[in-house]
């Protein structure tokens, strides 16, 4: 898939359709996209500012998106969808210039972990978009709670794409951090469980593992 060179109403509209909270950053401020009506026009979009006023903007002026409170720029989006064209110096045949020592900043382990988790967050959200589109096309009705359903419940906890941390010290996976893939209802109204993909390492877990936990054992992780 070719990388996108600018955000469009199609990209933004996909997030809106699955009720994933999204804002666009234009002209040094965030505008909230309230519905698909805001992005119907392929050239000009509309968004609501912090005072509830609607503003129009050109999609080409979008600096980045704020998806579930995660900053998503073009590079991050293209990486998440696995877009081609991110050539390194070796791939493009150009000589790669050695970075200066003073410009080489080694990220801490925590910074790397948060960066990886945020990328996984976007990937999970894009996967949710693809699943939603597939279900719409096939007419398949999902039995699992979706982001859309979660947002309309009075006791909203987690949604697809959120980063969560296991806070139950008696759980063998205590301390695991990951990206929510889906939310499911337990039978007989016994609550909900979240399925999340682990992004950190511990004695009993490692990146890539899929864990299922009741939501009372988890909290949102903000880095």
N, C-alpha and C. Protein backbone atom coordinates (compact mmCIF):
# COMPACT_ATOMS: atom_id res chain seq x y z
N UNK A 1 0.84 -1.19 0.00
CA UNK A 1 0.00 0.00 0.00
C UNK A 1 0.88 1.25 0.00
N UNK A 2 0.52 2.18 -0.87
CA UNK A 2 1.30 3.41 -0.96
C UNK A 2 1.01 4.32 0.22
N UNK A 3 2.02 5.01 0.73
CA UNK A 3 1.79 5.92 1.86
C UNK A 3 0.97 7.13 1.43
N UNK A 4 0.16 7.63 2.36
CA UNK A 4 -0.59 8.83 2.06
C UNK A 4 0.31 10.04 2.27
N UNK A 5 0.08 11.09 1.52
CA UNK A 5 0.91 12.29 1.63
C UNK A 5 0.20 13.40 2.40
N UNK A 6 -1.08 13.21 2.67
CA UNK A 6 -1.85 14.17 3.46
C UNK A 6 -3.09 13.46 3.98
N UNK A 7 -3.59 13.91 5.12
CA UNK A 7 -4.82 13.32 5.65
C UNK A 7 -6.00 13.76 4.80
N UNK A 8 -6.99 12.90 4.69
CA UNK A 8 -8.15 13.18 3.85
C UNK A 8 -9.43 12.91 4.61
N UNK A 9 -10.55 13.26 4.00
CA UNK A 9 -11.84 13.01 4.64
C UNK A 9 -12.11 11.51 4.76
N UNK A 10 -11.53 10.71 3.86
CA UNK A 10 -11.70 9.26 3.92
C UNK A 10 -11.03 8.69 5.16
N UNK A 11 -9.78 9.09 5.41
CA UNK A 11 -9.04 8.61 6.58
C UNK A 11 -9.76 9.01 7.86
N UNK A 12 -10.13 10.29 7.95
CA UNK A 12 -10.79 10.79 9.15
C UNK A 12 -12.15 10.13 9.33
N UNK A 13 -12.88 10.00 8.22
CA UNK A 13 -14.22 9.41 8.28
C UNK A 13 -14.22 7.98 8.79
N UNK A 14 -13.17 7.22 8.50
CA UNK A 14 -13.10 5.83 8.96
C UNK A 14 -13.09 5.77 10.48
N UNK A 15 -12.34 6.68 11.12
CA UNK A 15 -12.31 6.70 12.58
C UNK A 15 -13.67 7.11 13.13
N UNK A 16 -14.28 8.11 12.51
CA UNK A 16 -15.57 8.61 12.98
C UNK A 16 -16.63 7.51 12.94
N UNK A 17 -16.61 6.69 11.90
CA UNK A 17 -17.61 5.64 11.74
C UNK A 17 -17.61 4.64 12.89
N UNK A 18 -16.46 4.39 13.49
CA UNK A 18 -16.38 3.44 14.59
C UNK A 18 -16.38 4.13 15.95
N UNK A 19 -16.73 5.43 15.95
CA UNK A 19 -16.87 6.19 17.19
C UNK A 19 -15.56 6.34 17.95
N UNK A 20 -14.43 6.20 17.26
CA UNK A 20 -13.15 6.44 17.91
C UNK A 20 -12.96 7.95 17.99
N UNK A 21 -12.77 8.52 19.19
CA UNK A 21 -12.63 9.97 19.33
C UNK A 21 -11.47 10.49 18.49
N UNK A 22 -11.73 11.52 17.69
CA UNK A 22 -10.69 12.04 16.81
C UNK A 22 -10.78 13.56 16.70
N UNK A 23 -9.61 14.19 16.71
CA UNK A 23 -9.50 15.63 16.51
C UNK A 23 -8.45 15.88 15.44
N UNK A 24 -8.56 17.02 14.76
CA UNK A 24 -7.53 17.42 13.79
C UNK A 24 -6.83 18.66 14.35
N UNK A 25 -5.53 18.72 14.12
CA UNK A 25 -4.76 19.87 14.59
C UNK A 25 -4.46 20.77 13.40
N UNK A 26 -5.14 21.91 13.36
CA UNK A 26 -4.96 22.87 12.27
C UNK A 26 -4.89 24.27 12.84
N UNK A 27 -4.03 25.09 12.25
CA UNK A 27 -3.90 26.48 12.68
C UNK A 27 -3.68 26.62 14.18
N UNK A 28 -2.81 25.75 14.71
CA UNK A 28 -2.39 25.80 16.12
C UNK A 28 -3.50 25.52 17.12
N UNK A 29 -4.51 24.74 16.72
CA UNK A 29 -5.57 24.38 17.67
C UNK A 29 -6.21 23.07 17.22
N UNK A 30 -6.84 22.40 18.19
CA UNK A 30 -7.52 21.14 17.90
C UNK A 30 -9.00 21.41 17.60
N UNK A 31 -9.50 20.72 16.59
CA UNK A 31 -10.91 20.77 16.25
C UNK A 31 -11.47 19.35 16.34
N UNK A 32 -12.54 19.20 17.08
CA UNK A 32 -13.15 17.89 17.26
C UNK A 32 -14.07 17.56 16.09
N UNK A 33 -13.92 16.35 15.54
CA UNK A 33 -14.80 15.89 14.47
C UNK A 33 -16.00 15.25 15.16
N UNK A 34 -17.17 15.83 14.96
CA UNK A 34 -18.36 15.41 15.70
C UNK A 34 -19.17 14.33 15.01
N UNK A 35 -19.11 14.27 13.68
CA UNK A 35 -19.86 13.26 12.94
C UNK A 35 -19.32 13.17 11.52
N UNK A 36 -19.82 12.21 10.77
CA UNK A 36 -19.37 12.05 9.38
C UNK A 36 -19.79 13.24 8.52
N UNK A 37 -20.80 13.98 8.98
CA UNK A 37 -21.21 15.18 8.23
C UNK A 37 -20.08 16.19 8.15
N UNK A 38 -19.19 16.18 9.16
CA UNK A 38 -18.09 17.15 9.20
C UNK A 38 -17.05 16.89 8.11
N UNK A 39 -17.04 15.68 7.57
CA UNK A 39 -16.00 15.33 6.59
C UNK A 39 -16.61 14.81 5.28
N UNK A 40 -17.81 15.23 4.99
CA UNK A 40 -18.44 14.79 3.75
C UNK A 40 -17.78 15.39 2.52
N UNK A 41 -17.39 16.65 2.61
CA UNK A 41 -16.76 17.33 1.48
C UNK A 41 -15.33 16.83 1.34
N UNK A 42 -14.90 16.44 0.14
CA UNK A 42 -13.54 15.92 -0.05
C UNK A 42 -12.44 16.97 0.04
N UNK A 43 -12.80 18.25 0.03
CA UNK A 43 -11.80 19.31 0.07
C UNK A 43 -11.79 20.09 1.37
N UNK A 44 -12.97 20.38 1.90
CA UNK A 44 -13.09 21.20 3.10
C UNK A 44 -13.78 20.42 4.20
N UNK A 45 -13.17 20.43 5.39
CA UNK A 45 -13.76 19.76 6.54
C UNK A 45 -14.23 20.76 7.58
N UNK A 46 -14.98 20.28 8.56
CA UNK A 46 -15.47 21.12 9.64
C UNK A 46 -15.13 20.45 10.97
N UNK A 47 -14.86 21.28 11.98
CA UNK A 47 -14.54 20.75 13.30
C UNK A 47 -14.96 21.74 14.37
N UNK A 48 -15.16 21.23 15.57
CA UNK A 48 -15.63 22.06 16.68
C UNK A 48 -14.49 22.40 17.63
N UNK A 49 -14.36 23.68 17.98
CA UNK A 49 -13.31 24.10 18.90
C UNK A 49 -13.75 23.91 20.34
N UNK A 50 -12.88 24.31 21.29
CA UNK A 50 -13.16 24.08 22.71
C UNK A 50 -14.36 24.88 23.21
N UNK A 51 -14.77 25.91 22.45
CA UNK A 51 -15.93 26.72 22.84
C UNK A 51 -17.22 26.28 22.17
N UNK A 52 -17.16 25.18 21.43
CA UNK A 52 -18.36 24.68 20.78
C UNK A 52 -18.66 25.33 19.44
N UNK A 53 -17.71 26.12 18.92
CA UNK A 53 -17.91 26.78 17.64
C UNK A 53 -17.34 25.92 16.51
N UNK A 54 -18.06 25.86 15.39
CA UNK A 54 -17.62 25.08 14.25
C UNK A 54 -16.75 25.92 13.32
N UNK A 55 -15.68 25.31 12.81
CA UNK A 55 -14.76 26.00 11.90
C UNK A 55 -14.50 25.12 10.68
N UNK A 56 -14.29 25.73 9.55
CA UNK A 56 -13.94 25.00 8.34
C UNK A 56 -12.42 25.03 8.16
N UNK A 57 -11.90 24.03 7.48
CA UNK A 57 -10.46 23.94 7.27
C UNK A 57 -10.18 23.13 6.01
N UNK A 58 -9.02 23.33 5.47
CA UNK A 58 -8.54 22.57 4.31
C UNK A 58 -7.79 21.35 4.84
N UNK A 59 -8.12 20.16 4.36
CA UNK A 59 -7.47 18.93 4.85
C UNK A 59 -5.95 19.01 4.71
N UNK A 60 -5.46 19.73 3.72
CA UNK A 60 -4.02 19.82 3.49
C UNK A 60 -3.30 20.58 4.59
N UNK A 61 -4.06 21.31 5.42
CA UNK A 61 -3.44 22.09 6.50
C UNK A 61 -3.37 21.31 7.81
N UNK A 62 -3.87 20.07 7.82
CA UNK A 62 -3.83 19.26 9.04
C UNK A 62 -2.38 18.88 9.36
N UNK A 63 -1.93 19.24 10.55
CA UNK A 63 -0.55 18.90 10.96
C UNK A 63 -0.49 17.48 11.52
N UNK A 64 -1.49 17.12 12.31
CA UNK A 64 -1.58 15.74 12.80
C UNK A 64 -2.99 15.50 13.34
N UNK A 65 -3.27 14.26 13.66
CA UNK A 65 -4.55 13.87 14.25
C UNK A 65 -4.33 13.56 15.73
N UNK A 66 -5.41 13.66 16.49
CA UNK A 66 -5.40 13.20 17.88
C UNK A 66 -6.44 12.11 17.98
N UNK A 67 -5.97 10.86 18.00
CA UNK A 67 -6.86 9.70 17.99
C UNK A 67 -6.85 9.06 19.36
N UNK A 68 -7.98 9.11 20.07
CA UNK A 68 -8.06 8.59 21.44
C UNK A 68 -6.92 9.16 22.29
N UNK A 69 -6.68 10.46 22.13
CA UNK A 69 -5.64 11.19 22.88
C UNK A 69 -4.22 10.79 22.51
N UNK A 70 -4.05 10.11 21.39
CA UNK A 70 -2.71 9.77 20.89
C UNK A 70 -2.42 10.59 19.63
N UNK A 71 -1.28 11.27 19.62
CA UNK A 71 -0.89 12.07 18.46
C UNK A 71 -0.50 11.15 17.32
N UNK A 72 -1.11 11.35 16.17
CA UNK A 72 -0.84 10.52 14.99
C UNK A 72 -0.48 11.43 13.82
N UNK A 73 0.81 11.42 13.46
CA UNK A 73 1.23 12.20 12.30
C UNK A 73 1.25 11.27 11.08
N UNK A 74 1.64 11.82 9.94
CA UNK A 74 1.62 11.02 8.71
C UNK A 74 2.55 9.81 8.79
N UNK A 75 3.75 10.01 9.36
CA UNK A 75 4.70 8.90 9.46
C UNK A 75 4.13 7.78 10.31
N UNK A 76 3.52 8.15 11.45
CA UNK A 76 2.95 7.14 12.34
C UNK A 76 1.81 6.40 11.67
N UNK A 77 0.96 7.13 10.97
CA UNK A 77 -0.18 6.50 10.28
C UNK A 77 0.31 5.54 9.20
N UNK A 78 1.26 6.00 8.39
CA UNK A 78 1.78 5.15 7.31
C UNK A 78 2.47 3.91 7.86
N UNK A 79 3.16 4.06 9.00
CA UNK A 79 3.81 2.90 9.62
C UNK A 79 2.77 1.90 10.10
N UNK A 80 1.68 2.42 10.67
CA UNK A 80 0.65 1.56 11.23
C UNK A 80 -0.06 0.74 10.16
N UNK A 81 -0.26 1.31 8.98
CA UNK A 81 -0.95 0.57 7.92
C UNK A 81 0.02 -0.22 7.06
N UNK A 82 1.34 -0.13 7.40
CA UNK A 82 2.33 -0.88 6.64
C UNK A 82 2.51 -0.36 5.24
N UNK A 83 2.41 0.96 5.09
CA UNK A 83 2.52 1.55 3.76
C UNK A 83 3.92 1.42 3.21
N UNK A 84 4.02 1.20 1.91
CA UNK A 84 5.32 1.09 1.25
C UNK A 84 5.87 2.48 1.00
N UNK A 85 7.12 2.53 0.68
CA UNK A 85 7.70 3.80 0.28
C UNK A 85 8.53 4.46 1.35
N UNK A 86 8.61 3.83 2.55
CA UNK A 86 9.47 4.39 3.58
C UNK A 86 10.87 3.86 3.36
N UNK A 87 11.55 4.44 2.44
CA UNK A 87 12.84 3.92 2.03
C UNK A 87 13.95 4.40 2.96
N UNK A 88 14.84 3.47 3.25
CA UNK A 88 16.03 3.87 3.98
C UNK A 88 17.06 4.30 2.95
N UNK A 89 18.19 4.81 3.41
CA UNK A 89 19.22 5.24 2.48
C UNK A 89 19.71 4.10 1.62
N UNK A 90 19.80 2.87 2.22
CA UNK A 90 20.29 1.74 1.46
C UNK A 90 19.29 1.34 0.39
N UNK A 91 17.98 1.38 0.73
CA UNK A 91 16.96 0.94 -0.21
C UNK A 91 16.85 1.88 -1.39
N UNK A 92 17.03 3.16 -1.18
CA UNK A 92 16.86 4.13 -2.25
C UNK A 92 18.13 4.33 -3.06
N UNK A 93 19.20 3.69 -2.62
CA UNK A 93 20.45 3.82 -3.35
C UNK A 93 21.23 5.06 -2.96
N UNK A 94 20.71 5.80 -1.98
CA UNK A 94 21.42 6.99 -1.54
C UNK A 94 22.29 6.65 -0.35
N UNK A 95 23.38 7.36 -0.25
CA UNK A 95 24.26 7.14 0.88
C UNK A 95 23.62 7.74 2.12
N UNK A 96 23.65 6.96 3.19
CA UNK A 96 23.06 7.40 4.44
C UNK A 96 24.07 8.19 5.24
N UNK A 97 23.71 9.41 5.54
CA UNK A 97 24.64 10.27 6.26
C UNK A 97 24.69 9.89 7.73
N UNK A 98 25.88 9.74 8.25
CA UNK A 98 26.05 9.38 9.65
C UNK A 98 25.59 10.53 10.53
N UNK A 99 24.75 10.28 11.51
CA UNK A 99 24.28 11.36 12.38
C UNK A 99 25.40 11.86 13.28
N UNK A 100 25.34 13.12 13.59
CA UNK A 100 26.33 13.69 14.49
C UNK A 100 26.06 13.18 15.90
N UNK A 101 27.13 13.07 16.67
CA UNK A 101 26.99 12.52 18.01
C UNK A 101 26.02 13.33 18.86
N UNK A 102 26.14 14.68 18.71
CA UNK A 102 25.28 15.51 19.53
C UNK A 102 23.82 15.42 19.11
N UNK A 103 23.56 14.88 17.90
CA UNK A 103 22.19 14.74 17.43
C UNK A 103 21.63 13.34 17.70
N UNK A 104 22.48 12.46 18.16
CA UNK A 104 22.06 11.08 18.44
C UNK A 104 21.59 10.99 19.89
N UNK A 105 20.29 11.00 20.06
CA UNK A 105 19.71 10.94 21.40
C UNK A 105 19.14 9.55 21.63
N UNK A 106 19.69 8.86 22.57
CA UNK A 106 19.25 7.50 22.86
C UNK A 106 17.99 7.53 23.70
N UNK A 107 16.93 6.99 23.17
CA UNK A 107 15.67 6.94 23.91
C UNK A 107 15.82 5.99 25.10
N UNK A 108 15.20 6.35 26.21
CA UNK A 108 15.19 5.46 27.36
C UNK A 108 14.29 4.27 27.07
N UNK A 109 14.42 3.24 27.87
CA UNK A 109 13.61 2.04 27.66
C UNK A 109 12.13 2.37 27.78
N UNK A 110 11.77 3.24 28.72
CA UNK A 110 10.37 3.62 28.90
C UNK A 110 9.84 4.38 27.70
N UNK A 111 10.65 5.27 27.14
CA UNK A 111 10.23 6.02 25.96
C UNK A 111 9.97 5.09 24.79
N UNK A 112 10.85 4.11 24.62
CA UNK A 112 10.69 3.15 23.53
C UNK A 112 9.41 2.34 23.73
N UNK A 113 9.16 1.97 25.01
CA UNK A 113 7.97 1.17 25.31
C UNK A 113 6.70 1.95 24.99
N UNK A 114 6.66 3.20 25.40
CA UNK A 114 5.48 4.03 25.15
C UNK A 114 5.28 4.24 23.65
N UNK A 115 6.39 4.48 22.93
CA UNK A 115 6.30 4.68 21.49
C UNK A 115 5.75 3.44 20.81
N UNK A 116 6.24 2.28 21.24
CA UNK A 116 5.78 1.02 20.64
C UNK A 116 4.31 0.78 20.94
N UNK A 117 3.90 1.07 22.18
CA UNK A 117 2.52 0.86 22.55
C UNK A 117 1.58 1.80 21.80
N UNK A 118 2.01 3.04 21.58
CA UNK A 118 1.17 3.98 20.86
C UNK A 118 1.00 3.55 19.40
N UNK A 119 2.07 2.99 18.81
CA UNK A 119 1.97 2.49 17.45
C UNK A 119 1.03 1.29 17.40
N UNK A 120 1.13 0.43 18.41
CA UNK A 120 0.22 -0.72 18.49
C UNK A 120 -1.22 -0.25 18.66
N UNK A 121 -1.39 0.85 19.41
CA UNK A 121 -2.72 1.42 19.60
C UNK A 121 -3.34 1.78 18.27
N UNK A 122 -2.58 2.50 17.44
CA UNK A 122 -3.10 2.92 16.15
C UNK A 122 -3.38 1.72 15.26
N UNK A 123 -2.50 0.72 15.30
CA UNK A 123 -2.71 -0.48 14.50
C UNK A 123 -3.99 -1.19 14.92
N UNK A 124 -4.22 -1.25 16.24
CA UNK A 124 -5.43 -1.90 16.74
C UNK A 124 -6.67 -1.15 16.28
N UNK A 125 -6.59 0.17 16.30
CA UNK A 125 -7.74 0.97 15.87
C UNK A 125 -8.00 0.81 14.38
N UNK A 126 -6.93 0.75 13.58
CA UNK A 126 -7.09 0.54 12.15
C UNK A 126 -7.65 -0.86 11.88
N UNK A 127 -7.19 -1.85 12.65
CA UNK A 127 -7.74 -3.20 12.51
C UNK A 127 -9.23 -3.21 12.83
N UNK A 128 -9.62 -2.42 13.85
CA UNK A 128 -11.04 -2.34 14.22
C UNK A 128 -11.84 -1.73 13.09
N UNK A 129 -11.25 -0.73 12.42
CA UNK A 129 -11.93 -0.10 11.29
C UNK A 129 -12.15 -1.12 10.17
N UNK A 130 -11.12 -1.92 9.89
CA UNK A 130 -11.23 -2.92 8.83
C UNK A 130 -12.27 -3.97 9.18
N UNK A 131 -12.29 -4.39 10.47
CA UNK A 131 -13.29 -5.38 10.90
C UNK A 131 -14.70 -4.81 10.75
N UNK A 132 -14.85 -3.53 11.12
CA UNK A 132 -16.16 -2.89 11.04
C UNK A 132 -16.63 -2.83 9.59
N UNK A 133 -15.71 -2.44 8.70
CA UNK A 133 -16.06 -2.35 7.28
C UNK A 133 -16.43 -3.72 6.73
N UNK A 134 -15.69 -4.76 7.14
CA UNK A 134 -15.97 -6.11 6.67
C UNK A 134 -17.34 -6.58 7.15
N UNK A 135 -17.65 -6.30 8.43
CA UNK A 135 -18.94 -6.71 8.98
C UNK A 135 -20.09 -6.01 8.28
N UNK A 136 -19.88 -4.73 7.95
CA UNK A 136 -20.92 -3.98 7.24
C UNK A 136 -21.17 -4.58 5.86
N UNK A 137 -20.06 -4.93 5.16
CA UNK A 137 -20.18 -5.47 3.81
C UNK A 137 -20.84 -6.85 3.80
N UNK A 138 -20.53 -7.66 4.81
CA UNK A 138 -21.06 -9.03 4.85
C UNK A 138 -22.39 -9.12 5.58
N UNK A 139 -22.77 -8.02 6.26
CA UNK A 139 -24.01 -8.03 7.01
C UNK A 139 -23.92 -8.83 8.29
N UNK A 140 -22.70 -9.07 8.74
CA UNK A 140 -22.48 -9.86 9.95
C UNK A 140 -22.72 -9.01 11.18
N UNK A 141 -23.53 -9.49 12.08
CA UNK A 141 -23.80 -8.76 13.33
C UNK A 141 -22.85 -9.26 14.41
N UNK A 142 -22.07 -8.36 14.98
CA UNK A 142 -21.11 -8.76 16.00
C UNK A 142 -21.80 -8.96 17.34
N UNK A 143 -21.40 -10.00 18.08
CA UNK A 143 -21.95 -10.25 19.41
C UNK A 143 -21.08 -9.63 20.49
N UNK A 144 -19.96 -9.03 20.09
CA UNK A 144 -19.04 -8.43 21.05
C UNK A 144 -19.35 -6.95 21.20
N UNK A 145 -19.02 -6.39 22.37
CA UNK A 145 -19.20 -4.97 22.57
C UNK A 145 -18.19 -4.23 21.72
N UNK A 146 -18.63 -3.23 20.99
CA UNK A 146 -17.74 -2.44 20.16
C UNK A 146 -17.46 -1.13 20.83
N UNK A 147 -16.53 -0.35 20.24
CA UNK A 147 -16.23 0.98 20.77
C UNK A 147 -17.50 1.80 20.79
N UNK A 148 -18.30 1.65 19.75
CA UNK A 148 -19.53 2.41 19.63
C UNK A 148 -20.44 2.12 20.82
N UNK A 149 -20.60 0.83 21.16
CA UNK A 149 -21.46 0.47 22.26
C UNK A 149 -20.90 0.93 23.59
N UNK A 150 -19.59 0.81 23.75
CA UNK A 150 -18.97 1.20 25.00
C UNK A 150 -19.17 2.69 25.28
N UNK A 151 -19.08 3.51 24.25
CA UNK A 151 -19.18 4.94 24.43
C UNK A 151 -20.58 5.35 24.90
N UNK A 152 -21.60 4.55 24.57
CA UNK A 152 -22.94 4.92 24.92
C UNK A 152 -23.41 4.28 26.23
N UNK A 153 -22.53 3.59 26.90
CA UNK A 153 -22.88 3.03 28.19
C UNK A 153 -22.49 4.02 29.28
N UNK A 154 -23.29 4.05 30.33
CA UNK A 154 -23.04 5.01 31.40
C UNK A 154 -21.71 4.80 32.09
N UNK A 155 -21.25 3.54 32.16
CA UNK A 155 -20.02 3.24 32.87
C UNK A 155 -18.95 2.85 31.86
N UNK A 156 -18.60 3.75 31.00
CA UNK A 156 -17.58 3.49 29.98
C UNK A 156 -16.23 3.19 30.65
N UNK A 157 -15.61 2.13 30.24
CA UNK A 157 -14.30 1.78 30.79
C UNK A 157 -13.24 1.83 29.71
N UNK A 158 -13.24 0.84 28.86
CA UNK A 158 -12.22 0.78 27.83
C UNK A 158 -12.84 0.60 26.47
N UNK A 159 -12.09 0.97 25.44
CA UNK A 159 -12.53 0.75 24.08
C UNK A 159 -11.38 0.18 23.27
N UNK A 160 -11.68 -0.34 22.10
CA UNK A 160 -10.66 -0.88 21.23
C UNK A 160 -9.59 0.16 20.93
N UNK A 161 -8.34 -0.24 21.11
CA UNK A 161 -7.24 0.68 20.84
C UNK A 161 -6.69 1.36 22.07
N UNK A 162 -7.41 1.31 23.20
CA UNK A 162 -6.90 1.92 24.43
C UNK A 162 -5.69 1.14 24.94
N UNK A 163 -4.78 1.84 25.60
CA UNK A 163 -3.65 1.18 26.26
C UNK A 163 -4.03 0.97 27.72
N UNK A 164 -3.90 -0.25 28.21
CA UNK A 164 -4.28 -0.57 29.57
C UNK A 164 -3.13 -1.24 30.32
N UNK A 165 -3.23 -1.17 31.65
CA UNK A 165 -2.21 -1.80 32.51
C UNK A 165 -2.91 -2.68 33.53
N UNK A 166 -2.35 -3.86 33.77
CA UNK A 166 -2.89 -4.77 34.76
C UNK A 166 -2.46 -4.30 36.15
N UNK A 167 -3.42 -3.96 37.00
CA UNK A 167 -3.11 -3.40 38.32
C UNK A 167 -3.47 -4.36 39.45
N UNK A 168 -3.74 -5.61 39.12
CA UNK A 168 -4.09 -6.60 40.14
C UNK A 168 -2.84 -7.32 40.62
N UNK A 169 -2.34 -6.99 41.83
CA UNK A 169 -1.09 -7.60 42.31
C UNK A 169 -1.16 -9.10 42.51
N UNK A 170 -2.37 -9.64 42.63
CA UNK A 170 -2.49 -11.09 42.82
C UNK A 170 -2.59 -11.84 41.50
N UNK A 171 -2.62 -11.10 40.38
CA UNK A 171 -2.68 -11.72 39.06
C UNK A 171 -1.28 -12.06 38.58
N UNK A 172 -1.13 -13.22 37.92
CA UNK A 172 0.20 -13.62 37.45
C UNK A 172 0.74 -12.70 36.36
N UNK A 173 -0.14 -11.92 35.75
CA UNK A 173 0.29 -10.99 34.70
C UNK A 173 0.28 -9.54 35.18
N UNK A 174 0.37 -9.36 36.50
CA UNK A 174 0.40 -8.03 37.09
C UNK A 174 1.54 -7.19 36.48
N UNK A 175 1.20 -5.96 36.07
CA UNK A 175 2.20 -5.08 35.48
C UNK A 175 2.25 -5.13 33.97
N UNK A 176 1.52 -6.07 33.37
CA UNK A 176 1.52 -6.14 31.91
C UNK A 176 0.77 -4.95 31.33
N UNK A 177 1.29 -4.44 30.21
CA UNK A 177 0.70 -3.28 29.55
C UNK A 177 0.44 -3.66 28.10
N UNK A 178 -0.73 -3.28 27.61
CA UNK A 178 -1.02 -3.65 26.23
C UNK A 178 -2.14 -2.86 25.61
N UNK A 179 -2.42 -3.19 24.35
CA UNK A 179 -3.44 -2.49 23.57
C UNK A 179 -4.70 -3.35 23.49
N UNK A 180 -5.84 -2.76 23.84
CA UNK A 180 -7.10 -3.49 23.83
C UNK A 180 -7.50 -3.83 22.39
N UNK A 181 -7.75 -5.12 22.16
CA UNK A 181 -8.19 -5.59 20.84
C UNK A 181 -9.71 -5.69 20.76
N UNK A 182 -10.32 -6.09 21.87
CA UNK A 182 -11.78 -6.18 21.88
C UNK A 182 -12.29 -6.26 23.32
N UNK A 183 -13.57 -5.93 23.48
CA UNK A 183 -14.26 -6.01 24.76
C UNK A 183 -15.39 -7.02 24.61
N UNK A 184 -15.54 -7.92 25.60
CA UNK A 184 -16.59 -8.92 25.52
C UNK A 184 -17.40 -8.95 26.80
N UNK A 185 -18.68 -9.23 26.67
CA UNK A 185 -19.56 -9.37 27.83
C UNK A 185 -19.46 -10.77 28.40
N UNK A 186 -19.42 -10.86 29.72
CA UNK A 186 -19.48 -12.16 30.37
C UNK A 186 -20.94 -12.61 30.45
N UNK A 187 -21.18 -13.91 30.51
CA UNK A 187 -22.57 -14.38 30.56
C UNK A 187 -23.27 -13.99 31.86
N UNK A 188 -24.58 -13.92 31.79
CA UNK A 188 -25.42 -13.63 32.96
C UNK A 188 -25.12 -12.28 33.62
N UNK A 189 -24.69 -11.32 32.80
CA UNK A 189 -24.45 -9.98 33.33
C UNK A 189 -23.34 -9.92 34.37
N UNK A 190 -22.35 -10.79 34.26
CA UNK A 190 -21.29 -10.86 35.27
C UNK A 190 -20.18 -9.83 35.03
N UNK A 191 -20.34 -8.97 34.03
CA UNK A 191 -19.34 -7.95 33.77
C UNK A 191 -18.74 -8.07 32.38
N UNK A 192 -17.54 -7.51 32.23
CA UNK A 192 -16.88 -7.49 30.93
C UNK A 192 -15.43 -7.94 31.07
N UNK A 193 -14.90 -8.43 29.97
CA UNK A 193 -13.48 -8.76 29.91
C UNK A 193 -12.87 -8.02 28.73
N UNK A 194 -11.62 -7.68 28.86
CA UNK A 194 -10.88 -7.02 27.78
C UNK A 194 -9.80 -7.95 27.29
N UNK A 195 -9.68 -8.06 25.99
CA UNK A 195 -8.59 -8.84 25.38
C UNK A 195 -7.56 -7.83 24.89
N UNK A 196 -6.33 -7.94 25.40
CA UNK A 196 -5.30 -6.98 25.00
C UNK A 196 -4.00 -7.66 24.60
N UNK A 197 -3.29 -7.00 23.68
CA UNK A 197 -2.01 -7.52 23.19
C UNK A 197 -0.89 -6.86 23.97
N UNK A 198 -0.09 -7.66 24.64
CA UNK A 198 0.97 -7.16 25.51
C UNK A 198 2.08 -6.48 24.71
N UNK A 199 2.59 -5.39 25.28
CA UNK A 199 3.67 -4.66 24.60
C UNK A 199 4.93 -4.55 25.42
N UNK A 200 4.91 -5.06 26.67
CA UNK A 200 6.11 -5.00 27.52
C UNK A 200 6.49 -6.39 27.98
N UNK A 201 7.58 -6.48 28.71
CA UNK A 201 8.09 -7.79 29.15
C UNK A 201 8.03 -7.92 30.66
N UNK A 202 7.81 -9.13 31.13
CA UNK A 202 7.79 -9.43 32.55
C UNK A 202 8.06 -10.90 32.76
N UNK A 203 8.09 -11.35 34.03
CA UNK A 203 8.40 -12.75 34.32
C UNK A 203 7.44 -13.74 33.65
N UNK A 204 6.17 -13.35 33.48
CA UNK A 204 5.18 -14.28 32.95
C UNK A 204 4.52 -13.79 31.65
N UNK A 205 5.04 -12.72 31.08
CA UNK A 205 4.46 -12.20 29.84
C UNK A 205 5.52 -11.56 28.98
N UNK A 206 5.23 -11.42 27.71
CA UNK A 206 6.18 -10.83 26.77
C UNK A 206 5.42 -10.16 25.63
N UNK A 207 6.06 -9.27 24.89
CA UNK A 207 5.38 -8.58 23.78
C UNK A 207 4.75 -9.55 22.80
N UNK A 208 3.52 -9.23 22.40
CA UNK A 208 2.83 -10.05 21.43
C UNK A 208 1.83 -11.03 22.02
N UNK A 209 1.96 -11.30 23.34
CA UNK A 209 1.02 -12.20 23.99
C UNK A 209 -0.37 -11.59 24.03
N UNK A 210 -1.38 -12.42 23.92
CA UNK A 210 -2.77 -11.95 24.03
C UNK A 210 -3.32 -12.41 25.37
N UNK A 211 -3.76 -11.46 26.19
CA UNK A 211 -4.29 -11.76 27.51
C UNK A 211 -5.75 -11.32 27.61
N UNK A 212 -6.52 -12.05 28.37
CA UNK A 212 -7.92 -11.71 28.61
C UNK A 212 -8.13 -11.52 30.11
N UNK A 213 -8.58 -10.33 30.50
CA UNK A 213 -8.76 -10.00 31.92
C UNK A 213 -10.07 -9.28 32.13
N UNK A 214 -10.66 -9.47 33.30
CA UNK A 214 -11.85 -8.69 33.64
C UNK A 214 -11.43 -7.23 33.78
N UNK A 215 -12.32 -6.33 33.41
CA UNK A 215 -11.96 -4.92 33.34
C UNK A 215 -11.64 -4.31 34.70
N UNK A 216 -12.09 -4.96 35.81
CA UNK A 216 -11.77 -4.41 37.12
C UNK A 216 -10.30 -4.61 37.49
N UNK A 217 -9.58 -5.41 36.69
CA UNK A 217 -8.15 -5.62 36.94
C UNK A 217 -7.28 -4.67 36.14
N UNK A 218 -7.93 -3.82 35.35
CA UNK A 218 -7.18 -2.96 34.42
C UNK A 218 -7.47 -1.49 34.65
N UNK A 219 -6.52 -0.67 34.26
CA UNK A 219 -6.73 0.78 34.23
C UNK A 219 -6.09 1.33 32.97
N UNK A 220 -6.56 2.48 32.54
CA UNK A 220 -5.97 3.11 31.35
C UNK A 220 -4.56 3.52 31.66
N UNK A 221 -3.68 3.30 30.69
CA UNK A 221 -2.26 3.62 30.85
C UNK A 221 -1.93 4.83 30.00
N UNK A 222 -1.38 5.86 30.64
CA UNK A 222 -1.06 7.10 29.93
C UNK A 222 0.43 7.32 29.74
N UNK A 223 1.23 6.33 30.04
CA UNK A 223 2.67 6.46 29.82
C UNK A 223 3.39 7.07 31.01
